[in-house]
Each structure stands twice: as structure tokens, then as C-alpha cells.
Protein backbone atom coordinates (compact mmCIF):
# COMPACT_ATOMS: atom_id res chain seq x y z
CA MET A 1 53.09 147.39 -21.73
CA LYS A 2 54.66 145.95 -24.88
CA ARG A 3 55.49 142.56 -23.09
CA SER A 4 52.37 142.39 -21.40
CA GLU A 5 50.41 142.80 -24.84
CA THR A 6 52.82 140.38 -26.53
CA LYS A 7 51.88 137.45 -23.65
CA ARG A 8 48.04 138.14 -24.00
CA LYS A 9 48.56 137.47 -27.71
CA GLU A 10 50.38 134.29 -27.10
CA ASN A 11 47.88 133.18 -24.75
CA ALA A 12 44.83 133.79 -26.94
CA HIS A 13 46.68 132.13 -29.71
CA SER A 14 47.53 129.14 -27.79
CA THR A 15 43.94 128.64 -26.51
CA LEU A 16 42.33 129.00 -30.18
CA LYS A 17 44.77 126.43 -30.92
CA ASP A 18 43.81 123.97 -28.29
CA LEU A 19 40.13 124.84 -29.23
CA PHE A 20 40.85 123.59 -32.83
CA VAL A 21 42.52 120.48 -31.95
CA ASN A 22 39.77 119.62 -29.62
CA LEU A 23 37.15 120.35 -32.38
CA LYS A 24 39.18 118.02 -35.02
CA HIS A 25 39.40 115.12 -32.24
CA THR A 26 35.84 115.37 -31.42
CA GLN A 27 34.95 115.31 -35.33
CA SER A 28 37.42 112.32 -35.61
CA LYS A 29 35.72 110.27 -32.91
CA ALA A 30 32.26 110.81 -34.49
CA ASN A 31 33.29 109.98 -37.77
CA SER A 32 34.82 106.93 -36.33
CA TRP A 33 31.62 106.06 -34.72
CA TRP A 34 29.47 106.61 -37.87
CA SER A 35 31.60 104.33 -39.99
CA GLY A 36 31.97 101.71 -37.60
CA SER A 37 28.39 101.56 -36.42
CA SER A 38 26.15 98.92 -37.20
CA ILE A 39 23.03 100.79 -37.35
CA PRO A 40 21.63 100.47 -40.93
CA VAL A 41 21.28 103.66 -42.97
CA TRP A 42 17.69 103.21 -43.81
CA TRP A 43 16.92 103.41 -40.05
CA ILE A 44 18.64 106.54 -39.80
CA VAL A 45 16.80 108.11 -42.55
CA LEU A 46 13.67 106.87 -41.23
CA VAL A 47 14.07 108.42 -37.67
CA ILE A 48 14.93 111.56 -39.24
CA MET A 49 11.73 111.57 -41.19
CA LEU A 50 9.58 111.06 -38.63
CA GLY A 51 11.21 113.67 -36.41
CA CYS A 52 10.10 115.89 -39.19
CA SER A 53 6.75 114.76 -39.74
CA THR A 54 3.58 116.79 -38.64
CA HIS A 55 0.49 115.30 -37.17
CA ASP A 56 -1.79 113.72 -40.03
CA THR A 57 -4.13 116.08 -41.39
CA ALA A 58 -7.80 115.71 -40.57
CA PRO A 59 -9.85 114.65 -43.57
CA VAL A 60 -12.07 117.50 -44.83
CA VAL A 61 -15.89 117.14 -44.94
CA THR A 62 -17.35 119.24 -47.30
CA GLY A 63 -21.05 120.43 -47.23
CA GLU A 64 -23.80 119.47 -49.70
CA MET A 65 -26.78 121.67 -50.75
CA PRO A 66 -29.15 118.91 -52.38
CA THR A 67 -31.76 121.75 -53.39
CA SER A 68 -29.33 123.76 -55.08
CA SER A 69 -27.76 120.71 -56.67
CA LEU A 70 -31.22 119.35 -57.86
CA VAL A 71 -31.83 122.70 -59.38
CA ALA A 72 -28.43 122.76 -61.24
CA SER A 73 -29.06 119.39 -62.31
CA LYS A 74 -32.05 120.69 -64.61
CA GLN A 75 -33.84 117.35 -63.88
CA ILE A 76 -37.06 119.13 -62.92
CA SER A 77 -39.09 122.02 -64.01
CA ILE A 78 -39.56 125.18 -61.91
CA TYR A 79 -42.24 127.66 -61.79
CA LYS A 80 -43.37 130.95 -60.06
CA TYR A 81 -46.35 132.02 -58.41
CA ASN A 82 -46.66 135.64 -58.52
CA GLY A 83 -49.33 136.24 -55.66
CA ALA A 84 -49.44 136.95 -52.12
CA TYR A 85 -49.03 134.11 -49.72
CA ASN A 86 -48.84 135.71 -46.04
CA GLY A 87 -47.82 133.98 -42.77
CA ALA A 88 -46.99 130.76 -44.55
CA ALA A 89 -43.92 128.13 -44.14
CA LEU A 90 -42.97 126.68 -47.84
CA GLY A 91 -40.61 123.81 -48.04
CA TYR A 92 -40.28 119.91 -48.42
CA GLU A 93 -39.53 116.92 -46.09
CA PHE A 94 -36.14 114.45 -46.87
CA LYS A 95 -35.14 111.09 -45.54
CA VAL A 96 -31.27 110.31 -45.18
CA ARG A 97 -29.87 107.00 -45.74
CA ALA A 98 -26.88 107.75 -43.43
CA ASP A 99 -25.89 109.66 -40.30
CA GLY A 100 -24.84 112.91 -40.68
CA HIS A 101 -25.11 116.76 -39.82
CA ILE A 102 -26.67 120.08 -40.66
CA THR A 103 -24.54 122.96 -40.54
CA GLY A 104 -26.74 125.72 -42.26
CA LEU A 105 -29.90 126.45 -43.62
CA GLY A 106 -30.71 128.49 -46.92
CA CYS A 107 -33.41 129.26 -49.64
CA THR A 108 -34.08 130.96 -52.90
CA ILE A 109 -36.65 133.45 -53.39
CA PRO A 110 -37.93 135.94 -55.69
CA SER A 111 -38.77 138.68 -53.12
CA ILE A 112 -36.91 140.66 -50.83
CA GLY A 113 -37.34 140.67 -46.94
CA ASN A 114 -36.59 138.90 -43.64
CA TYR A 115 -37.43 135.53 -43.49
CA ILE A 116 -37.06 132.47 -41.11
CA ILE A 117 -36.14 129.26 -41.93
CA THR A 118 -36.82 126.16 -39.58
CA LEU A 119 -35.91 122.55 -39.56
CA PHE A 120 -38.10 119.74 -37.83
CA LYS A 121 -37.50 115.95 -37.06
CA VAL A 122 -40.70 114.18 -38.09
CA ASP A 123 -42.75 111.87 -35.77
CA THR A 124 -44.10 109.58 -38.28
CA ILE A 125 -46.28 108.08 -35.58
CA ASN A 126 -47.92 111.10 -34.28
CA LYS A 127 -48.12 113.13 -37.44
CA SER A 128 -45.84 115.94 -35.73
CA GLY A 129 -42.42 117.50 -35.41
CA THR A 130 -39.92 118.81 -33.07
CA GLN A 131 -37.78 121.73 -34.15
CA LEU A 132 -34.46 121.28 -34.37
CA ALA A 133 -33.22 124.64 -35.58
CA LYS A 134 -34.51 128.08 -36.28
CA LEU A 135 -32.48 130.63 -38.51
CA SER A 136 -33.10 134.18 -39.60
CA ILE A 137 -32.13 135.05 -43.23
CA SER A 138 -32.13 138.43 -45.00
CA ILE A 139 -32.99 138.55 -48.88
CA ALA A 140 -31.51 141.53 -50.65
CA ALA A 141 -32.28 142.30 -54.49
CA SER A 142 -29.38 140.89 -55.57
CA ASP A 143 -30.12 137.67 -53.77
CA THR A 144 -33.34 137.43 -55.97
CA THR A 145 -31.44 136.71 -59.23
CA ASN A 146 -31.04 133.83 -61.43
CA PHE A 147 -32.54 131.54 -59.32
CA LYS A 148 -29.71 132.01 -56.74
CA PHE A 149 -29.43 130.28 -53.26
CA LYS A 150 -28.41 132.22 -50.11
CA TYR A 151 -27.34 130.29 -47.05
CA ASP A 152 -26.53 131.34 -43.29
CA TYR A 153 -24.41 128.96 -41.02
CA LEU A 154 -25.58 127.49 -37.79
CA PRO A 155 -23.77 128.38 -34.64
CA THR A 156 -23.90 124.53 -33.78
CA LYS A 157 -24.12 121.71 -36.13
CA ILE A 158 -26.97 119.16 -35.78
CA ALA A 159 -26.92 115.54 -35.96
CA ILE A 160 -29.34 113.88 -38.37
CA SER A 161 -29.83 109.71 -38.33
CA LYS A 162 -30.02 107.23 -40.66
CA GLY A 163 -33.42 106.18 -41.65
CA ASN A 164 -35.06 109.51 -40.15
CA TYR A 165 -37.23 111.94 -41.91
CA TYR A 166 -36.82 115.99 -41.43
CA ARG A 167 -38.51 118.91 -42.77
CA VAL A 168 -37.19 122.16 -43.88
CA ALA A 169 -39.26 125.50 -44.52
CA LEU A 170 -39.09 129.26 -45.49
CA ASN A 171 -41.48 131.47 -43.18
CA GLY A 172 -42.62 134.80 -43.65
CA ASP A 173 -44.77 136.98 -45.84
CA PHE A 174 -44.51 136.17 -49.81
CA ILE A 175 -45.25 138.45 -52.37
CA ALA A 176 -44.24 135.67 -54.76
CA TYR A 177 -42.43 132.66 -54.57
CA ASP A 178 -41.16 129.65 -56.69
CA TYR A 179 -41.67 125.81 -56.53
CA LEU A 180 -40.42 122.69 -58.04
CA PHE A 181 -42.66 120.40 -60.09
CA PHE A 182 -42.40 116.51 -60.07
CA PRO A 183 -44.43 114.85 -62.62
CA THR A 184 -46.18 111.68 -61.57
CA GLY A 185 -45.00 108.40 -62.95
CA SER A 186 -41.84 109.85 -64.26
CA THR A 187 -38.19 108.79 -63.64
CA PHE A 188 -38.13 112.22 -61.40
CA SER A 189 -41.29 111.97 -59.73
CA LEU A 190 -40.91 112.10 -55.69
CA PRO A 191 -39.50 110.37 -53.95
CA LEU A 192 -36.13 111.31 -55.58
CA PRO A 193 -32.57 110.82 -54.50
CA SER A 194 -30.22 114.17 -54.61
CA PRO A 195 -28.25 113.99 -58.05
CA THR A 196 -25.12 114.39 -56.02
CA ASN A 197 -25.58 111.86 -53.14
CA THR A 198 -27.83 109.15 -52.78
CA LYS A 199 -27.84 109.35 -48.92
CA PHE A 200 -30.17 112.17 -49.15
CA VAL A 201 -33.80 111.99 -50.55
CA PHE A 202 -36.43 114.50 -51.35
CA THR A 203 -39.91 112.89 -50.25
CA LYS A 204 -42.57 115.40 -50.46
CA GLY A 205 -43.42 118.95 -50.36
CA VAL A 206 -44.75 120.47 -47.29
CA ALA A 207 -46.34 123.96 -46.25
CA GLY A 208 -48.30 125.37 -43.38
CA TYR A 209 -48.35 128.37 -40.94
CA ALA A 210 -45.27 130.45 -40.53
CA ASN A 211 -43.11 129.36 -37.66
CA GLN A 212 -44.88 126.00 -36.71
CA TYR A 213 -44.58 122.64 -38.28
CA PRO A 214 -45.53 122.29 -41.85
CA ASP A 215 -48.06 119.67 -41.86
CA THR A 216 -49.78 120.26 -45.55
CA GLU A 217 -47.97 117.52 -47.96
CA TYR A 218 -47.60 117.41 -51.46
CA SER A 219 -46.57 114.57 -53.71
CA THR A 220 -45.94 116.54 -57.06
CA TYR A 221 -43.98 119.64 -55.87
CA MET A 222 -41.83 121.31 -53.18
CA PHE A 223 -40.74 124.56 -52.37
CA PRO A 224 -36.92 125.68 -52.52
CA ALA A 225 -35.62 125.86 -49.08
CA ASP A 226 -32.56 124.15 -48.45
CA ILE A 227 -29.54 122.78 -46.05
CA VAL A 228 -25.97 122.40 -45.99
CA VAL A 229 -25.52 118.65 -45.04
CA GLN A 230 -22.52 116.91 -44.33
CA PHE A 231 -22.08 112.79 -44.80
CA PRO A 232 -18.89 111.27 -43.40
């Protein structure tokens, strides 16, 4: 038993020794290849960097809220009408100077309730519009303070095209509503570019019957519906 055990230990020792020698030999060959190679070091570093890199990050396109930005700029006066206006659509018309997308709709209103926001593309020849989006929005008491805007996002973004006109309106029964005033002949008369992006232009205020194309137009005031718009 002792001789057999001694023999196994000798064989194991011999095997480990051979493995160590082979490893040293392999390492020596590798060192010789690297030292004698004509491949420049910068090329090796470049290959390693490319192998470790990830895909390019897609550019982030942020959404803009034009009416909210206009109110925040304090360029125009805001008034409140404390009277009922039922079955109405209140909003504004705008023009875009570049292609983009609308990803959400919103508003600010001083009364609680459930409302619908609609978006139309304007047919300037036939004086009509095609509805592009319709979105329900609920206004709680906490949403009515300090001229706070509330937004909901569309399930699918909507493409808008350079040079076209669109109308966005808040629809429902109003016990009170706000409006923005644009004095005639001033620096801040309509049409007025957005203070944060001149690709977006407010053109006129609009109103009409609830959930229909708002065809009544105003040149000195508009109602604070809003959109979330993206320009590339």
C-alpha cells in the first residue's frame, strides 16, 4: 500500500512539473511573438477599444409645451372668465415651420371635471379640418392651482408637416376658463412664435361646439390648451 501511494505521488508530481514547463514554454513563445511582431502598438489599442465599445447612443429628442412656455415667459396677459360656457371647444391655431411630431395633449383650466382635448389639421381651402387625435383628461382640484398645466400622452405620436396649420382645443362644460390676451399692434400680437422655439407659431384663438372642428376665430386672444411637440 505504501509503495503504491508513493508511486501515485511521484506520477502526480511529474505531471504537474510537465504542465508547468509547458506553460512556461507557451508564455515564452507568446512573448517572442509580441516582441518580434511588426504590428504597431496603436493598432492593437484601437482593436481593443473597438471591441469594448457599445452601440452609438440615439440622440434624445425632448418634447416642448408651447403654451406652457408662453405663460412662463410672462410676455402676455392672462385673464379669467367666471361664467358658465357649456358644450364648448376652446383653444388655438398654430403653424409649424419644420416637420415634427406631437406626442401628447394638455391644458390648464380653473375648474375640475372630465374633458376632451382634440387636435385637427386645418384645410385652409375648404375652411374645415380633419381630426388627428382625441384624448380624455381628468382635472382634479390639485390641477387647478397656480395656472398648472396637465398633460396626457398619445398612444402613437402624430406627424406634423412644415407649413401646415393645426388646431388644438379643450372640450366640455366650463364653469370658468382662462384666456390669454394679445394686444393688437404690439410686439406680442398674433401671430407670435413660441418664446422657446421659432419653429412653432401661435396664429389665432379658436372656439366652437364641443368635439367638433373649432371654426370661430379670434385675433387678440386664445385659450390655453396645449400640445407636446418634438422637432428633430
